[in-house]
Protein backbone atom coordinates (compact mmCIF):
# COMPACT_ATOMS: atom_id res chain seq x y z
CA MET A 1 94.52 131.18 100.50
CA LYS A 2 94.90 131.79 96.74
CA ARG A 3 95.47 128.08 96.14
CA MET A 4 92.44 127.07 98.20
CA MET A 5 90.20 129.53 96.34
CA THR A 6 91.42 128.26 92.97
CA PHE A 7 90.91 124.66 94.00
CA GLY A 8 87.40 125.36 95.26
CA ALA A 9 86.34 127.39 92.24
CA VAL A 10 87.52 124.85 89.69
CA ALA A 11 86.16 121.95 91.74
CA ALA A 12 82.75 123.61 91.80
CA LEU A 13 82.86 124.18 88.05
CA ALA A 14 83.89 120.62 87.27
CA CYS A 15 81.45 119.04 89.69
CA SER A 16 78.56 121.10 88.36
CA ILE A 17 79.12 119.51 84.94
CA PHE A 18 80.40 115.98 85.56
CA VAL A 19 80.51 113.27 88.17
CA GLY A 20 83.71 112.09 89.84
CA CYS A 21 84.84 115.20 91.70
CA ALA A 22 86.95 115.18 94.86
CA SER A 23 85.06 114.50 98.07
CA THR A 24 83.95 117.21 100.49
CA SER A 25 85.36 117.14 104.00
CA LYS A 26 83.07 115.97 106.80
CA LEU A 27 85.37 117.32 109.52
CA THR A 28 84.24 120.04 111.89
CA PRO A 29 85.47 123.58 111.08
CA GLU A 30 87.94 123.30 113.97
CA GLN A 31 89.31 119.97 112.75
CA GLU A 32 89.47 121.22 109.18
CA ALA A 33 91.43 124.29 110.27
CA ALA A 34 93.91 122.09 112.13
CA VAL A 35 94.45 119.39 109.53
CA GLY A 36 93.00 120.77 106.29
CA PRO A 37 96.23 120.94 104.23
CA TRP A 38 97.12 117.36 105.22
CA ARG A 39 93.60 116.18 104.33
CA GLU A 40 93.79 117.89 100.93
CA GLN A 41 96.94 115.97 100.01
CA ALA A 42 95.47 112.70 101.25
CA GLN A 43 92.29 113.22 99.22
CA MET A 44 94.27 114.23 96.14
CA MET A 45 96.28 111.03 96.45
CA ILE A 46 93.11 108.95 96.80
CA ASP A 47 91.66 110.57 93.69
CA ALA A 48 94.90 110.12 91.71
CA ARG A 49 94.96 106.39 92.44
CA ASP A 50 91.55 105.88 90.78
CA PRO A 51 92.23 103.58 87.80
CA ASP A 52 89.43 105.26 85.82
CA LEU A 53 91.59 108.37 85.49
CA THR A 54 94.16 106.65 83.29
CA ALA A 55 91.94 104.03 81.62
CA THR A 56 91.06 103.88 77.92
CA CYS A 57 87.89 105.76 77.03
CA LYS A 58 87.15 104.38 73.56
CA SER A 59 83.40 104.52 73.17
CA GLY A 60 83.00 103.88 69.45
CA ILE A 61 81.47 107.35 69.05
CA THR A 62 83.77 109.28 66.72
CA GLU A 63 83.33 112.76 68.20
CA VAL A 64 83.63 111.48 71.76
CA ASP A 65 86.72 109.40 71.03
CA ALA A 66 88.36 112.41 69.41
CA VAL A 67 88.03 114.20 72.74
CA ALA A 68 89.35 111.15 74.60
CA ASN A 69 92.47 111.17 72.42
CA THR A 70 93.33 114.54 73.97
CA VAL A 71 92.02 114.04 77.50
CA THR A 72 93.34 110.61 78.52
CA PRO A 73 97.04 111.39 77.89
CA ILE A 74 96.66 114.61 79.89
CA ALA A 75 94.88 112.83 82.75
CA THR A 76 97.56 110.13 82.80
CA ALA A 77 100.41 112.65 82.92
CA VAL A 78 98.74 114.81 85.56
CA ASN A 79 98.00 111.81 87.76
CA LYS A 80 101.65 110.79 87.70
CA TRP A 81 102.76 114.32 88.52
CA MET A 82 100.21 114.51 91.32
CA GLN A 83 101.39 111.28 92.93
CA ASP A 84 105.06 112.17 92.46
CA TYR A 85 104.53 115.64 93.96
CA ILE A 86 102.70 114.36 97.03
CA ARG A 87 105.23 111.56 97.61
CA GLU A 88 108.06 114.09 97.42
CA ALA A 89 106.26 116.53 99.73
CA GLN A 90 105.63 113.80 102.28
CA ALA A 91 109.23 112.60 102.03
CA ASP A 92 110.39 116.17 102.71
CA PHE A 93 108.11 116.29 105.75
CA ALA A 94 109.46 113.01 107.13
CA TRP A 95 113.06 114.05 106.55
CA ASN A 96 112.70 117.49 108.14
CA THR A 97 110.75 116.10 111.10
CA TYR A 98 113.28 113.40 111.90
CA VAL A 99 116.40 115.50 111.29
CA GLY A 100 114.86 118.28 113.37
CA TRP A 101 114.64 115.87 116.30
CA LYS A 102 118.09 114.36 115.71
CA ASN A 103 119.75 117.78 115.61
CA GLY A 104 117.65 119.17 118.44
CA PRO A 105 118.57 119.57 122.11
CA ASP A 106 116.68 116.56 123.46
CA SER A 107 118.53 113.89 121.47
CA GLY A 108 121.89 115.10 122.75
CA LYS A 109 120.89 114.40 126.35
CA LEU A 110 120.38 110.68 125.77
CA SER A 111 122.82 107.87 126.46
CA ALA A 112 123.95 105.78 123.50
CA ASP A 113 121.47 102.99 124.23
CA ALA A 114 118.63 105.39 124.93
CA PHE A 115 119.42 107.33 121.76
CA LYS A 116 119.29 104.16 119.66
CA ALA A 117 115.83 103.24 120.98
CA GLU A 118 114.48 106.78 120.77
CA SER A 119 115.93 107.31 117.29
CA ALA A 120 113.97 104.34 115.97
CA ARG A 121 110.83 105.67 117.65
CA GLN A 122 111.27 109.21 116.31
CA ALA A 123 111.95 107.94 112.80
CA LYS A 124 108.66 106.08 112.86
CA LEU A 125 106.84 109.09 114.31
CA ALA A 126 108.20 111.21 111.46
CA CYS A 127 106.57 108.79 109.01
CA VAL A 128 103.07 108.72 110.53
CA GLU A 129 101.57 111.66 108.64
CA PRO A 130 103.27 110.73 105.34
CA GLY A 131 102.24 107.10 105.71
CA LEU A 132 98.62 107.94 106.40
CA ALA A 133 98.50 110.42 103.50
CA LEU A 134 100.03 108.04 100.97
CA ASN A 135 97.97 105.02 102.01
CA SER A 136 94.65 106.67 102.84
CA LYS A 137 91.37 105.31 101.56
CA ASP A 138 89.27 107.66 103.71
CA ALA A 139 90.76 111.13 104.14
CA ASP A 140 88.38 112.14 106.94
CA ALA A 141 88.98 109.02 109.04
CA ASP A 142 92.74 109.30 108.62
CA ALA A 143 92.66 113.04 109.35
CA LEU A 144 91.32 112.14 112.80
CA LYS A 145 94.29 109.80 113.27
CA VAL A 146 96.61 112.67 112.33
CA LEU A 147 94.95 114.86 114.95
CA ASP A 148 95.45 112.09 117.53
CA TYR A 149 99.09 111.83 116.47
CA ARG A 150 99.64 115.55 116.95
CA GLN A 151 98.12 115.39 120.41
CA LEU A 152 100.24 112.44 121.58
CA ASP A 153 102.11 112.86 124.83
CA ARG A 154 105.62 112.20 123.50
CA SER A 155 106.93 111.65 127.02
CA ASP A 156 104.68 108.58 127.41
CA THR A 157 106.70 106.07 125.40
CA ALA A 158 104.23 103.26 126.04
CA ALA A 159 101.40 105.32 124.57
CA VAL A 160 103.57 106.38 121.62
CA ASP A 161 104.60 102.80 120.88
CA ALA A 162 100.99 101.63 121.09
CA PHE A 163 99.92 104.39 118.69
CA LEU A 164 102.66 103.46 116.24
CA ALA A 165 101.79 99.79 116.40
CA GLU A 166 98.18 100.56 115.54
CA ASN A 167 98.52 103.40 113.05
CA LEU A 168 101.87 103.35 111.26
CA PRO A 169 101.38 101.82 107.78
CA ALA A 170 103.65 98.82 107.24
CA ASP A 171 105.44 100.33 104.24
CA MET A 172 106.62 103.21 106.40
CA ASN A 173 109.01 100.96 108.31
CA ALA A 174 111.29 101.14 105.27
CA TRP A 175 111.06 104.93 105.33
CA ALA A 176 111.93 104.99 109.03
CA SER A 177 114.97 102.77 108.50
CA ALA A 178 116.10 104.95 105.59
CA LEU A 179 115.79 108.06 107.75
CA GLU A 180 118.05 106.61 110.41
CA ALA A 181 120.56 105.32 107.86
CA ASN A 182 120.89 108.62 105.98
CA ALA A 183 120.32 111.35 108.57
CA GLY A 184 124.03 111.96 108.96
CA VAL A 185 124.69 112.06 105.22
CA GLY A 186 121.93 113.93 103.46
CA PRO A 187 118.44 113.55 102.03
CA GLU A 188 119.57 112.15 98.68
CA GLY A 189 120.23 108.71 100.14
CA PHE A 190 116.88 108.74 101.90
CA TYR A 191 115.00 109.62 98.71
CA LYS A 192 116.85 106.97 96.75
CA ALA A 193 116.09 104.31 99.35
CA ILE A 194 112.36 105.05 99.29
CA LYS A 195 112.28 105.51 95.49
CA VAL A 196 111.30 109.17 95.50
CA GLU A 197 112.80 111.22 92.67
CA THR A 198 113.00 114.97 93.15
CA THR A 199 111.55 117.03 90.31
CA ASP A 200 112.00 120.60 89.06
CA TRP A 201 108.34 121.35 89.65
CA ALA A 202 108.49 124.96 88.49
CA ALA A 203 109.48 123.67 85.05
CA ILE A 204 106.16 121.88 84.54
CA VAL A 205 103.84 124.75 85.48
CA GLY A 206 103.65 125.86 81.85
CA GLN A 207 102.70 122.34 80.76
CA LEU A 208 100.02 122.19 83.44
CA GLN A 209 98.56 125.53 82.36
CA ALA A 210 98.50 124.43 78.72
CA SER A 211 96.84 121.16 79.75
CA LEU A 212 94.14 123.03 81.64
CA GLU A 213 93.39 125.09 78.52
CA GLN A 214 93.15 121.89 76.47
CA LEU A 215 90.80 120.34 79.02
CA THR A 216 88.61 123.43 79.02
CA LYS A 217 88.22 123.10 75.25
CA ALA A 218 87.65 119.34 75.60
CA ASN A 219 85.01 120.07 78.20
CA THR A 220 83.13 122.26 75.71
CA SER A 221 83.54 119.67 72.96
CA ILE A 222 82.21 116.75 74.98
CA ILE A 223 79.19 118.74 76.11
CA ALA A 224 78.41 119.60 72.49
CA ALA A 225 78.98 116.02 71.33
CA THR A 226 76.69 114.52 73.94
CA LYS A 227 73.83 116.80 72.85
CA ASN A 228 73.79 115.19 69.42
CA PRO A 229 70.53 113.14 69.23
CA GLU A 230 72.35 110.09 67.85
CA VAL A 231 74.88 110.24 70.68
CA VAL A 232 72.11 110.77 73.23
CA ALA A 233 70.52 107.53 72.05
CA LYS A 234 73.83 105.67 72.38
CA LEU A 235 74.21 106.95 75.94
CA ASN A 236 70.66 106.04 76.96
CA PRO A 237 70.78 103.00 79.29
CA LEU A 238 67.78 101.60 77.44
CA THR A 239 69.21 101.91 73.94
CA GLY A 240 72.99 102.13 74.29
CA SER A 241 75.63 99.55 75.16
CA LYS A 242 77.04 99.32 78.68
CA GLU A 243 80.59 99.51 77.31
CA THR A 244 79.91 102.77 75.46
CA ILE A 245 78.23 104.38 78.45
CA ALA A 246 81.04 103.27 80.78
CA ALA A 247 83.70 104.68 78.43
CA VAL A 248 81.96 108.06 78.28
CA ASP A 249 81.55 108.09 82.07
CA ARG A 250 85.29 107.46 82.45
CA LEU A 251 86.02 110.33 80.07
CA ARG A 252 83.76 112.64 82.03
CA LYS A 253 85.52 111.66 85.24
CA GLN A 254 88.93 112.25 83.67
CA ILE A 255 87.91 115.75 82.64
CA SER A 256 86.29 116.72 85.94
CA VAL A 257 88.94 115.35 88.28
CA THR A 258 91.91 116.51 86.22
CA MET A 259 90.40 120.00 86.01
CA VAL A 260 90.53 120.01 89.82
CA GLN A 261 94.00 118.47 90.07
CA ILE A 262 95.79 120.90 87.74
CA PRO A 263 95.04 124.19 89.56
CA TRP A 264 95.68 122.47 92.90
CA LEU A 265 99.08 121.26 91.72
CA ILE A 266 99.99 124.63 90.17
CA GLY A 267 99.06 126.36 93.42
CA ALA A 268 101.03 123.88 95.52
CA ILE A 269 104.12 124.33 93.32
CA GLN A 270 103.89 128.12 93.39
CA ASP A 271 103.40 128.16 97.17
CA LYS A 272 106.49 126.00 97.75
């Protein structure tokens, strides 16, 4: 609950000042309650993949570019951490889901041939939620697919196979194969195969907190800079250049989105 409150409070602050904030869920309260944490990660991944968040923001306006020199490196670092964290979290989910089935009572009741077929199916099932989260372009639409996945009748193999054929992202086939290949050894081989590096996340909390303080100061600076009459004229669509206006818009987005990402990531790390 603490993490959700922090995320919401900072998101509201950032969105009240700048454009480019994370989208609001259009799910019903019941759907949000069921799949909200998954949707949050999917939306955070969508936001982190926005190329504007790591792009150059050189506007030609000295006071604005001074702010960009601080903000863009922070936004770039935070976006990498965000994507790395979510990939690792989703890899953990896939691993635990598949190994839980493999070591559970049902798998031991199967013949060798039946186990081989069901193992491949369960490995793919374990990758559905991670695959949708990491590949999502619409968190609400994919959240509904996650709800459908959770309601699947696992005893109906035809229905399961049809669902997988329609909804499992293609890149998750490699994850599924890596799960099967490494389940008897340990997660390290799985992570290596899917190119996920584990990170000491607690060690970066201090850097994230310092970055949030820097962004807060940058936020104040950019607001002050854009009140300067000369700067106002340069940002007027009628009198300023498109390149300058676009650069400042990117900077604003970097500040607003990264100010949402940092407290979310700190909360996620501390809740682990």
